[in-house]
């Protein structure tokens, strides 16, 4: 099992942050299905202020290219992503349209 970790910032607005958190209490079933169908076996999002961290565990079928193609072909995923842009802001260094930034692992306790 492989793990990827990402980060993203939210708008610095408590009302918008609350809305974002509320959306994630009841993620649309089509979004959950698209995540699982891509080979993602586990996903958690953590928040500190307006900073988010996403931990994603994947199986051997997962690839970023395959996930991107699946998302691009799924109107419900596109609708969800458009809705989430209301709350999210790109990090410095992000390319246009890029949201979640892949983090580099720099330490492991048990190797």
N, C-alpha and C. Protein backbone atom coordinates (compact mmCIF):
# COMPACT_ATOMS: atom_id res chain seq x y z
N UNK A 1 0.85 -1.17 0.00
CA UNK A 1 0.00 0.00 0.00
C UNK A 1 0.90 1.24 0.00
N UNK A 2 0.61 2.16 -0.87
CA UNK A 2 1.38 3.38 -0.98
C UNK A 2 0.55 4.54 -0.43
N UNK A 3 1.24 5.52 0.15
CA UNK A 3 0.58 6.68 0.74
C UNK A 3 1.10 7.95 0.07
N UNK A 4 0.16 8.87 -0.22
CA UNK A 4 0.49 10.20 -0.75
C UNK A 4 -0.11 11.22 0.20
N UNK A 5 0.60 12.32 0.40
CA UNK A 5 0.12 13.39 1.29
C UNK A 5 0.12 14.69 0.50
N UNK A 6 -0.97 15.44 0.65
CA UNK A 6 -1.16 16.69 -0.08
C UNK A 6 -1.52 17.81 0.90
N UNK A 7 -1.35 19.05 0.44
CA UNK A 7 -1.77 20.19 1.23
C UNK A 7 -2.49 21.20 0.33
N UNK A 8 -3.32 22.01 0.95
CA UNK A 8 -4.12 23.01 0.26
C UNK A 8 -4.60 24.02 1.29
N UNK A 9 -4.79 25.25 0.88
CA UNK A 9 -5.34 26.25 1.78
C UNK A 9 -6.78 26.58 1.41
N UNK A 10 -7.54 26.96 2.43
CA UNK A 10 -8.90 27.45 2.24
C UNK A 10 -8.90 28.97 2.33
N UNK A 11 -9.96 29.57 1.83
CA UNK A 11 -10.15 31.01 2.01
C UNK A 11 -10.09 31.34 3.50
N UNK A 12 -9.51 32.46 3.85
CA UNK A 12 -9.44 32.86 5.27
C UNK A 12 -10.74 33.54 5.66
N UNK A 13 -11.79 32.74 5.75
CA UNK A 13 -13.13 33.22 6.06
C UNK A 13 -13.81 32.12 6.86
N UNK A 14 -14.08 32.38 8.13
CA UNK A 14 -14.63 31.33 9.01
C UNK A 14 -15.95 30.76 8.50
N UNK A 15 -16.80 31.60 7.92
CA UNK A 15 -18.08 31.10 7.40
C UNK A 15 -17.84 30.13 6.23
N UNK A 16 -16.92 30.48 5.33
CA UNK A 16 -16.61 29.58 4.21
C UNK A 16 -15.94 28.30 4.69
N UNK A 17 -15.05 28.41 5.66
CA UNK A 17 -14.40 27.22 6.21
C UNK A 17 -15.45 26.29 6.82
N UNK A 18 -16.41 26.84 7.54
CA UNK A 18 -17.48 26.02 8.13
C UNK A 18 -18.27 25.32 7.03
N UNK A 19 -18.62 26.04 5.97
CA UNK A 19 -19.34 25.43 4.85
C UNK A 19 -18.54 24.28 4.25
N UNK A 20 -17.24 24.50 4.06
CA UNK A 20 -16.37 23.47 3.47
C UNK A 20 -16.37 22.22 4.35
N UNK A 21 -16.21 22.42 5.64
CA UNK A 21 -16.22 21.29 6.58
C UNK A 21 -17.57 20.58 6.52
N UNK A 22 -18.65 21.35 6.47
CA UNK A 22 -19.99 20.75 6.40
C UNK A 22 -20.17 19.92 5.13
N UNK A 23 -19.67 20.40 3.99
CA UNK A 23 -19.76 19.62 2.75
C UNK A 23 -19.08 18.27 2.92
N UNK A 24 -18.00 18.24 3.69
CA UNK A 24 -17.23 17.00 3.84
C UNK A 24 -17.80 16.07 4.91
N UNK A 25 -18.85 16.49 5.57
CA UNK A 25 -19.56 15.60 6.49
C UNK A 25 -20.51 14.68 5.73
N UNK A 26 -20.83 15.06 4.50
CA UNK A 26 -21.77 14.28 3.69
C UNK A 26 -21.37 14.39 2.21
N UNK A 27 -20.20 13.85 1.89
CA UNK A 27 -19.70 13.90 0.51
C UNK A 27 -20.64 13.10 -0.38
N UNK A 28 -20.88 13.65 -1.57
CA UNK A 28 -21.79 12.99 -2.51
C UNK A 28 -21.35 11.55 -2.77
N UNK A 29 -22.29 10.63 -2.86
CA UNK A 29 -21.95 9.21 -3.11
C UNK A 29 -21.17 9.01 -4.41
N UNK A 30 -21.45 9.82 -5.43
CA UNK A 30 -20.73 9.69 -6.70
C UNK A 30 -19.25 10.04 -6.54
N UNK A 31 -18.96 10.94 -5.62
CA UNK A 31 -17.57 11.33 -5.37
C UNK A 31 -16.85 10.21 -4.64
N UNK A 32 -17.51 9.64 -3.64
CA UNK A 32 -16.94 8.51 -2.90
C UNK A 32 -16.64 7.36 -3.88
N UNK A 33 -17.59 7.05 -4.75
CA UNK A 33 -17.42 5.98 -5.73
C UNK A 33 -16.25 6.27 -6.67
N UNK A 34 -16.13 7.52 -7.13
CA UNK A 34 -15.03 7.86 -8.04
C UNK A 34 -13.68 7.72 -7.36
N UNK A 35 -13.61 8.02 -6.08
CA UNK A 35 -12.38 7.87 -5.31
C UNK A 35 -12.00 6.40 -5.24
N UNK A 36 -12.95 5.57 -4.85
CA UNK A 36 -12.68 4.13 -4.71
C UNK A 36 -12.36 3.48 -6.05
N UNK A 37 -13.08 3.88 -7.11
CA UNK A 37 -12.86 3.30 -8.43
C UNK A 37 -11.46 3.61 -8.98
N UNK A 38 -10.85 4.67 -8.48
CA UNK A 38 -9.51 5.06 -8.95
C UNK A 38 -8.39 4.27 -8.26
N UNK A 39 -8.76 3.42 -7.30
CA UNK A 39 -7.74 2.66 -6.59
C UNK A 39 -7.31 3.29 -5.28
N UNK A 40 -8.08 4.25 -4.81
CA UNK A 40 -7.79 4.89 -3.52
C UNK A 40 -8.52 4.08 -2.45
N UNK A 41 -7.76 3.53 -1.52
CA UNK A 41 -8.33 2.64 -0.50
C UNK A 41 -8.57 3.33 0.83
N UNK A 42 -7.96 4.48 1.03
CA UNK A 42 -8.15 5.24 2.26
C UNK A 42 -7.86 6.70 2.00
N UNK A 43 -8.63 7.57 2.65
CA UNK A 43 -8.41 9.01 2.49
C UNK A 43 -8.88 9.71 3.76
N UNK A 44 -8.04 10.62 4.24
CA UNK A 44 -8.39 11.45 5.40
C UNK A 44 -7.97 12.88 5.09
N UNK A 45 -8.78 13.84 5.55
CA UNK A 45 -8.43 15.26 5.44
C UNK A 45 -8.38 15.83 6.84
N UNK A 46 -7.30 16.55 7.14
CA UNK A 46 -7.13 17.22 8.43
C UNK A 46 -7.05 18.72 8.18
N UNK A 47 -7.49 19.50 9.18
CA UNK A 47 -7.49 20.96 9.05
C UNK A 47 -6.84 21.61 10.26
N UNK A 48 -6.05 22.62 9.99
CA UNK A 48 -5.53 23.51 11.03
C UNK A 48 -5.75 24.92 10.51
N UNK A 49 -6.68 25.65 11.13
CA UNK A 49 -7.02 26.98 10.60
C UNK A 49 -7.56 26.84 9.20
N UNK A 50 -6.90 27.50 8.25
CA UNK A 50 -7.35 27.38 6.86
C UNK A 50 -6.45 26.45 6.05
N UNK A 51 -5.53 25.74 6.71
CA UNK A 51 -4.63 24.81 6.02
C UNK A 51 -5.18 23.39 6.11
N UNK A 52 -5.19 22.69 4.99
CA UNK A 52 -5.66 21.31 4.92
C UNK A 52 -4.51 20.36 4.59
N UNK A 53 -4.58 19.16 5.12
CA UNK A 53 -3.68 18.07 4.77
C UNK A 53 -4.54 16.87 4.39
N UNK A 54 -4.22 16.25 3.27
CA UNK A 54 -4.96 15.10 2.79
C UNK A 54 -3.99 13.92 2.74
N UNK A 55 -4.38 12.83 3.37
CA UNK A 55 -3.59 11.60 3.35
C UNK A 55 -4.38 10.58 2.54
N UNK A 56 -3.73 10.03 1.52
CA UNK A 56 -4.40 9.13 0.59
C UNK A 56 -3.60 7.84 0.49
N UNK A 57 -4.26 6.72 0.72
CA UNK A 57 -3.64 5.41 0.55
C UNK A 57 -4.21 4.78 -0.71
N UNK A 58 -3.32 4.20 -1.51
CA UNK A 58 -3.73 3.68 -2.82
C UNK A 58 -3.25 2.25 -3.02
N UNK A 59 -3.95 1.53 -3.90
CA UNK A 59 -3.51 0.19 -4.25
C UNK A 59 -2.68 0.25 -5.54
N UNK A 60 -2.30 -0.92 -6.03
CA UNK A 60 -1.41 -0.98 -7.19
C UNK A 60 -2.07 -0.51 -8.48
N UNK A 61 -3.39 -0.41 -8.53
CA UNK A 61 -4.07 0.06 -9.75
C UNK A 61 -4.07 1.58 -9.88
N UNK A 62 -3.71 2.29 -8.82
CA UNK A 62 -3.79 3.75 -8.82
C UNK A 62 -2.65 4.39 -9.62
N UNK A 63 -3.02 5.42 -10.39
CA UNK A 63 -2.03 6.33 -10.97
C UNK A 63 -2.67 7.71 -11.04
N UNK A 64 -1.83 8.73 -10.91
CA UNK A 64 -2.35 10.10 -10.97
C UNK A 64 -2.95 10.40 -12.34
N UNK A 65 -2.34 9.85 -13.39
CA UNK A 65 -2.83 10.08 -14.74
C UNK A 65 -4.21 9.44 -14.95
N UNK A 66 -4.36 8.22 -14.47
CA UNK A 66 -5.65 7.53 -14.58
C UNK A 66 -6.72 8.25 -13.78
N UNK A 67 -6.39 8.68 -12.58
CA UNK A 67 -7.37 9.41 -11.74
C UNK A 67 -7.78 10.71 -12.43
N UNK A 68 -6.82 11.45 -12.99
CA UNK A 68 -7.14 12.70 -13.68
C UNK A 68 -8.06 12.46 -14.87
N UNK A 69 -7.79 11.41 -15.64
CA UNK A 69 -8.63 11.09 -16.80
C UNK A 69 -10.03 10.69 -16.36
N UNK A 70 -10.12 9.89 -15.31
CA UNK A 70 -11.43 9.48 -14.79
C UNK A 70 -12.22 10.70 -14.31
N UNK A 71 -11.56 11.60 -13.60
CA UNK A 71 -12.23 12.80 -13.09
C UNK A 71 -12.70 13.70 -14.22
N UNK A 72 -11.87 13.86 -15.24
CA UNK A 72 -12.22 14.71 -16.38
C UNK A 72 -13.44 14.18 -17.12
N UNK A 73 -13.64 12.88 -17.10
CA UNK A 73 -14.76 12.25 -17.81
C UNK A 73 -16.01 12.11 -16.95
N UNK A 74 -15.95 12.55 -15.70
CA UNK A 74 -17.07 12.37 -14.78
C UNK A 74 -17.71 13.72 -14.45
N UNK A 75 -18.91 13.98 -15.01
CA UNK A 75 -19.55 15.29 -14.78
C UNK A 75 -19.82 15.59 -13.30
N UNK A 76 -20.12 14.58 -12.51
CA UNK A 76 -20.40 14.81 -11.09
C UNK A 76 -19.13 15.23 -10.36
N UNK A 77 -18.00 14.62 -10.70
CA UNK A 77 -16.73 15.03 -10.10
C UNK A 77 -16.41 16.47 -10.51
N UNK A 78 -16.64 16.80 -11.77
CA UNK A 78 -16.40 18.16 -12.23
C UNK A 78 -17.28 19.17 -11.48
N UNK A 79 -18.53 18.80 -11.25
CA UNK A 79 -19.45 19.66 -10.49
C UNK A 79 -18.94 19.87 -9.06
N UNK A 80 -18.50 18.78 -8.42
CA UNK A 80 -17.97 18.85 -7.05
C UNK A 80 -16.73 19.74 -7.00
N UNK A 81 -15.82 19.53 -7.95
CA UNK A 81 -14.57 20.31 -7.97
C UNK A 81 -14.85 21.79 -8.18
N UNK A 82 -15.79 22.10 -9.04
CA UNK A 82 -16.17 23.51 -9.26
C UNK A 82 -16.74 24.12 -7.99
N UNK A 83 -17.57 23.37 -7.29
CA UNK A 83 -18.15 23.83 -6.03
C UNK A 83 -17.05 24.07 -4.99
N UNK A 84 -16.07 23.17 -4.90
CA UNK A 84 -15.01 23.28 -3.91
C UNK A 84 -14.09 24.47 -4.15
N UNK A 85 -13.97 24.92 -5.42
CA UNK A 85 -13.12 26.08 -5.72
C UNK A 85 -13.59 27.33 -4.99
N UNK A 86 -14.85 27.38 -4.62
CA UNK A 86 -15.37 28.54 -3.86
C UNK A 86 -14.62 28.70 -2.54
N UNK A 87 -14.14 27.60 -2.00
CA UNK A 87 -13.53 27.57 -0.67
C UNK A 87 -12.01 27.50 -0.70
N UNK A 88 -11.45 26.99 -1.78
CA UNK A 88 -10.03 26.68 -1.85
C UNK A 88 -9.25 27.79 -2.55
N UNK A 89 -7.99 27.94 -2.15
CA UNK A 89 -7.10 28.86 -2.85
C UNK A 89 -5.81 28.10 -3.21
N UNK A 90 -5.30 28.34 -4.40
CA UNK A 90 -4.08 27.63 -4.80
C UNK A 90 -2.89 28.10 -3.96
N UNK A 91 -2.00 27.18 -3.69
CA UNK A 91 -0.78 27.50 -2.97
C UNK A 91 0.23 28.15 -3.92
N UNK A 92 1.18 28.90 -3.38
CA UNK A 92 2.25 29.44 -4.23
C UNK A 92 2.94 28.30 -4.97
N UNK A 93 3.22 28.52 -6.22
CA UNK A 93 3.87 27.50 -7.03
C UNK A 93 2.92 26.57 -7.75
N UNK A 94 1.63 26.67 -7.45
CA UNK A 94 0.64 25.82 -8.13
C UNK A 94 0.46 26.31 -9.57
N UNK A 95 0.27 25.37 -10.47
CA UNK A 95 -0.03 25.70 -11.86
C UNK A 95 -1.51 26.10 -11.95
N UNK A 96 -1.90 26.84 -12.99
CA UNK A 96 -3.32 27.21 -13.14
C UNK A 96 -4.23 25.98 -13.05
N UNK A 97 -5.25 26.08 -12.22
CA UNK A 97 -6.20 24.98 -12.03
C UNK A 97 -5.74 23.92 -11.07
N UNK A 98 -4.51 23.98 -10.58
CA UNK A 98 -3.98 22.98 -9.66
C UNK A 98 -4.39 23.33 -8.24
N UNK A 99 -4.89 22.34 -7.53
CA UNK A 99 -5.35 22.54 -6.16
C UNK A 99 -4.41 21.88 -5.17
N UNK A 100 -4.70 20.64 -4.87
CA UNK A 100 -3.93 19.90 -3.88
C UNK A 100 -2.50 19.72 -4.35
N UNK A 101 -1.54 20.09 -3.50
CA UNK A 101 -0.12 19.99 -3.84
C UNK A 101 0.48 18.79 -3.12
N UNK A 102 1.12 17.92 -3.89
CA UNK A 102 1.76 16.73 -3.35
C UNK A 102 2.94 17.15 -2.48
N UNK A 103 2.98 16.60 -1.27
CA UNK A 103 4.05 16.93 -0.34
C UNK A 103 5.16 15.89 -0.44
N UNK A 104 6.37 16.31 -0.13
CA UNK A 104 7.53 15.43 -0.14
C UNK A 104 7.76 14.88 1.26
N UNK A 105 7.86 13.56 1.36
CA UNK A 105 8.16 12.93 2.65
C UNK A 105 9.64 13.15 2.94
N UNK A 106 9.94 13.66 4.13
CA UNK A 106 11.33 13.92 4.48
C UNK A 106 11.80 13.14 5.70
N UNK A 107 10.89 12.39 6.34
CA UNK A 107 11.27 11.63 7.52
C UNK A 107 10.31 10.46 7.70
N UNK A 108 10.85 9.32 8.09
CA UNK A 108 10.07 8.15 8.48
C UNK A 108 10.69 7.58 9.75
N UNK A 109 9.90 7.36 10.78
CA UNK A 109 10.40 6.83 12.04
C UNK A 109 10.84 5.38 11.89
N UNK A 110 9.98 4.56 11.34
CA UNK A 110 10.26 3.12 11.22
C UNK A 110 10.55 2.77 9.77
N UNK A 111 11.80 2.51 9.48
CA UNK A 111 12.16 2.17 8.09
C UNK A 111 12.51 0.71 7.98
